[in-house]
Amino acid sequence: MKRLFSLFVFLTFAQVAGAGEFIQIKQAKEFSEVIDGKTLVRPLIKLRVSTAGEIVGTGAKLAVTGNWKWIDGYFCRDLFWGKRELGYNCQAVAVNGNTIRFQSDKGTGDFADFDLR
């Protein structure tokens, strides 16, 4: 289980080099327009982030659930992976075409890129 959790954390937060320039999303309305009706996809991870503030999906076959709010230009979320609480974090969000990037700790920490499908 510990090895699977480590893999999940690595896949979620590993830095992935991407082509092009990311444009930061600063308003909740912009964020909602980008994610509305989309699934966020990475290897072993599929998430739906609703405009109503819910997060649901799977990560390495375990349920991922949570809630989010837009606060002062950041995506602030509480997240659970299976029964494990991953905690609260406010993240900078940027977009480049069909790729959305979440960068932890208000844009100063690790980032994860997801395909928007």
C-alpha atoms as a PDB file:
ATOM      1  CA  MET A   1       0.000   0.000   0.000  1.00  0.00           C
ATOM      2  CA  LYS A   2       2.827   2.389   0.869  1.00  0.00           C
ATOM      3  CA  ARG A   3       4.433   1.796  -2.533  1.00  0.00           C
ATOM      4  CA  LEU A   4       1.123   2.458  -4.307  1.00  0.00           C
ATOM      5  CA  PHE A   5       0.633   5.673  -2.340  1.00  0.00           C
ATOM      6  CA  SER A   6       4.162   6.816  -3.243  1.00  0.00           C
ATOM      7  CA  LEU A   7       3.425   6.154  -6.917  1.00  0.00           C
ATOM      8  CA  PHE A   8       0.193   8.140  -6.675  1.00  0.00           C
ATOM      9  CA  VAL A   9       1.925  11.090  -5.033  1.00  0.00           C
ATOM     10  CA  PHE A  10       4.712  10.991  -7.614  1.00  0.00           C
ATOM     11  CA  LEU A  11       2.282  10.920 -10.528  1.00  0.00           C
ATOM     12  CA  THR A  12       0.186  13.671  -9.039  1.00  0.00           C
ATOM     13  CA  PHE A  13       2.970  16.074  -8.203  1.00  0.00           C
ATOM     14  CA  ALA A  14       5.845  15.167 -10.529  1.00  0.00           C
ATOM     15  CA  GLN A  15       7.011  17.984 -12.713  1.00  0.00           C
ATOM     16  CA  VAL A  16       6.317  17.282 -16.351  1.00  0.00           C
ATOM     17  CA  ALA A  17       7.920  19.400 -19.042  1.00  0.00           C
ATOM     18  CA  GLY A  18       5.378  20.727 -21.517  1.00  0.00           C
ATOM     19  CA  ALA A  19       5.527  22.666 -24.731  1.00  0.00           C
ATOM     20  CA  GLY A  20       4.140  26.187 -24.997  1.00  0.00           C
ATOM     21  CA  GLU A  21       3.324  28.806 -22.460  1.00  0.00           C
ATOM     22  CA  PHE A  22       0.893  28.395 -19.598  1.00  0.00           C
ATOM     23  CA  ILE A  23      -1.439  31.283 -18.829  1.00  0.00           C
ATOM     24  CA  GLN A  24      -2.458  31.657 -15.197  1.00  0.00           C
ATOM     25  CA  ILE A  25      -6.147  31.592 -14.392  1.00  0.00           C
ATOM     26  CA  LYS A  26      -6.952  34.321 -11.892  1.00  0.00           C
ATOM     27  CA  GLN A  27     -10.754  34.318 -11.664  1.00  0.00           C
ATOM     28  CA  ALA A  28     -13.201  31.629 -10.549  1.00  0.00           C
ATOM     29  CA  LYS A  29     -15.337  32.262 -13.642  1.00  0.00           C
ATOM     30  CA  GLU A  30     -12.370  31.562 -15.950  1.00  0.00           C
ATOM     31  CA  PHE A  31     -11.569  28.374 -14.048  1.00  0.00           C
ATOM     32  CA  SER A  32     -15.179  27.183 -14.210  1.00  0.00           C
ATOM     33  CA  GLU A  33     -15.289  27.783 -17.963  1.00  0.00           C
ATOM     34  CA  VAL A  34     -12.127  25.729 -18.485  1.00  0.00           C
ATOM     35  CA  ILE A  35     -13.209  22.707 -16.405  1.00  0.00           C
ATOM     36  CA  ASP A  36     -16.952  22.676 -17.132  1.00  0.00           C
ATOM     37  CA  GLY A  37     -17.898  19.292 -18.597  1.00  0.00           C
ATOM     38  CA  LYS A  38     -14.275  18.108 -18.719  1.00  0.00           C
ATOM     39  CA  THR A  39     -12.400  15.206 -17.157  1.00  0.00           C
ATOM     40  CA  LEU A  40      -8.871  15.854 -15.887  1.00  0.00           C
ATOM     41  CA  VAL A  41      -6.647  12.958 -16.910  1.00  0.00           C
ATOM     42  CA  ARG A  42      -3.110  11.782 -16.011  1.00  0.00           C
ATOM     43  CA  PRO A  43      -1.685   8.271 -15.946  1.00  0.00           C
ATOM     44  CA  LEU A  44      -3.731   6.290 -13.394  1.00  0.00           C
ATOM     45  CA  ILE A  45      -5.801   9.389 -12.491  1.00  0.00           C
ATOM     46  CA  LYS A  46      -9.180  10.619 -13.767  1.00  0.00           C
ATOM     47  CA  LEU A  47     -10.945  13.471 -11.996  1.00  0.00           C
ATOM     48  CA  ARG A  48     -14.076  15.546 -12.471  1.00  0.00           C
ATOM     49  CA  VAL A  49     -13.897  18.978 -10.874  1.00  0.00           C
ATOM     50  CA  SER A  50     -17.401  20.425 -10.908  1.00  0.00           C
ATOM     51  CA  THR A  51     -18.290  24.079 -11.119  1.00  0.00           C
ATOM     52  CA  ALA A  52     -20.333  23.458  -7.935  1.00  0.00           C
ATOM     53  CA  GLY A  53     -17.177  22.775  -5.906  1.00  0.00           C
ATOM     54  CA  GLU A  54     -16.937  18.978  -5.875  1.00  0.00           C
ATOM     55  CA  ILE A  55     -14.014  16.765  -6.862  1.00  0.00           C
ATOM     56  CA  VAL A  56     -14.652  13.100  -7.727  1.00  0.00           C
ATOM     57  CA  GLY A  57     -12.709  10.460  -9.576  1.00  0.00           C
ATOM     58  CA  THR A  58     -10.123   7.734  -9.233  1.00  0.00           C
ATOM     59  CA  GLY A  59      -6.406   7.562  -8.578  1.00  0.00           C
ATOM     60  CA  ALA A  60      -4.684   4.185  -8.949  1.00  0.00           C
ATOM     61  CA  LYS A  61      -8.142   2.543  -8.742  1.00  0.00           C
ATOM     62  CA  LEU A  62      -9.014   4.200  -5.410  1.00  0.00           C
ATOM     63  CA  ALA A  63     -11.748   6.797  -5.064  1.00  0.00           C
ATOM     64  CA  VAL A  64     -10.684  10.430  -5.011  1.00  0.00           C
ATOM     65  CA  THR A  65     -13.128  12.881  -3.417  1.00  0.00           C
ATOM     66  CA  GLY A  66     -12.982  16.427  -2.230  1.00  0.00           C
ATOM     67  CA  ASN A  67     -14.263  19.961  -2.319  1.00  0.00           C
ATOM     68  CA  TRP A  68     -12.837  23.198  -3.634  1.00  0.00           C
ATOM     69  CA  LYS A  69     -13.360  26.953  -3.454  1.00  0.00           C
ATOM     70  CA  TRP A  70     -11.741  29.797  -5.368  1.00  0.00           C
ATOM     71  CA  ILE A  71     -10.046  32.106  -2.842  1.00  0.00           C
ATOM     72  CA  ASP A  72      -8.013  35.208  -3.760  1.00  0.00           C
ATOM     73  CA  GLY A  73      -7.006  33.844  -7.181  1.00  0.00           C
ATOM     74  CA  TYR A  74      -6.247  30.290  -6.043  1.00  0.00           C
ATOM     75  CA  PHE A  75      -7.910  26.872  -6.287  1.00  0.00           C
ATOM     76  CA  CYS A  76      -8.190  25.818  -2.636  1.00  0.00           C
ATOM     77  CA  ARG A  77      -9.120  22.208  -2.075  1.00  0.00           C
ATOM     78  CA  ASP A  78      -9.536  19.457   0.514  1.00  0.00           C
ATOM     79  CA  LEU A  79      -8.805  16.051  -0.989  1.00  0.00           C
ATOM     80  CA  PHE A  80      -9.146  12.394  -0.011  1.00  0.00           C
ATOM     81  CA  TRP A  81      -7.575   9.437  -1.805  1.00  0.00           C
ATOM     82  CA  GLY A  82      -9.420   6.361  -0.609  1.00  0.00           C
ATOM     83  CA  LYS A  83      -9.512   6.792   3.169  1.00  0.00           C
ATOM     84  CA  ARG A  84      -6.306   8.841   3.233  1.00  0.00           C
ATOM     85  CA  GLU A  85      -6.708  12.586   3.746  1.00  0.00           C
ATOM     86  CA  LEU A  86      -4.331  14.464   1.428  1.00  0.00           C
ATOM     87  CA  GLY A  87      -5.186  17.745   3.102  1.00  0.00           C
ATOM     88  CA  TYR A  88      -5.996  21.321   2.275  1.00  0.00           C
ATOM     89  CA  ASN A  89      -3.916  23.278  -0.222  1.00  0.00           C
ATOM     90  CA  CYS A  90      -4.358  26.433  -2.278  1.00  0.00           C
ATOM     91  CA  GLN A  91      -2.934  26.071  -5.765  1.00  0.00           C
ATOM     92  CA  ALA A  92      -2.155  28.327  -8.686  1.00  0.00           C
ATOM     93  CA  VAL A  93      -3.864  27.159 -11.874  1.00  0.00           C
ATOM     94  CA  ALA A  94      -2.677  27.745 -15.427  1.00  0.00           C
ATOM     95  CA  VAL A  95      -3.805  26.499 -18.812  1.00  0.00           C
ATOM     96  CA  ASN A  96      -2.099  25.798 -22.127  1.00  0.00           C
ATOM     97  CA  GLY A  97      -4.495  24.526 -24.790  1.00  0.00           C
ATOM     98  CA  ASN A  98      -5.973  21.272 -23.487  1.00  0.00           C
ATOM     99  CA  THR A  99      -3.563  21.046 -20.550  1.00  0.00           C
ATOM    100  CA  ILE A 100      -4.318  22.426 -17.104  1.00  0.00           C
ATOM    101  CA  ARG A 101      -1.591  22.809 -14.474  1.00  0.00           C
ATOM    102  CA  PHE A 102      -2.124  22.888 -10.717  1.00  0.00           C
ATOM    103  CA  GLN A 103       0.863  24.180  -8.719  1.00  0.00           C
ATOM    104  CA  SER A 104       0.725  23.615  -4.974  1.00  0.00           C
ATOM    105  CA  ASP A 105       1.399  26.113  -2.220  1.00  0.00           C
ATOM    106  CA  LYS A 106      -0.011  29.105  -4.114  1.00  0.00           C
ATOM    107  CA  GLY A 107       2.287  28.480  -7.058  1.00  0.00           C
ATOM    108  CA  THR A 108       5.529  27.908  -5.168  1.00  0.00           C
ATOM    109  CA  GLY A 109       5.441  24.107  -4.870  1.00  0.00           C
ATOM    110  CA  ASP A 110       5.305  21.092  -7.146  1.00  0.00           C
ATOM    111  CA  PHE A 111       2.969  21.022 -10.105  1.00  0.00           C
ATOM    112  CA  ALA A 112       0.849  18.443 -11.894  1.00  0.00           C
ATOM    113  CA  ASP A 113      -0.394  18.727 -15.475  1.00  0.00           C
ATOM    114  CA  PHE A 114      -3.679  17.146 -16.542  1.00  0.00           C
ATOM    115  CA  ASP A 115      -5.168  16.660 -19.988  1.00  0.00           C
ATOM    116  CA  LEU A 116      -8.633  18.206 -20.328  1.00  0.00           C
ATOM    117  CA  ARG A 117     -10.928  15.700 -22.049  1.00  0.00           C
END
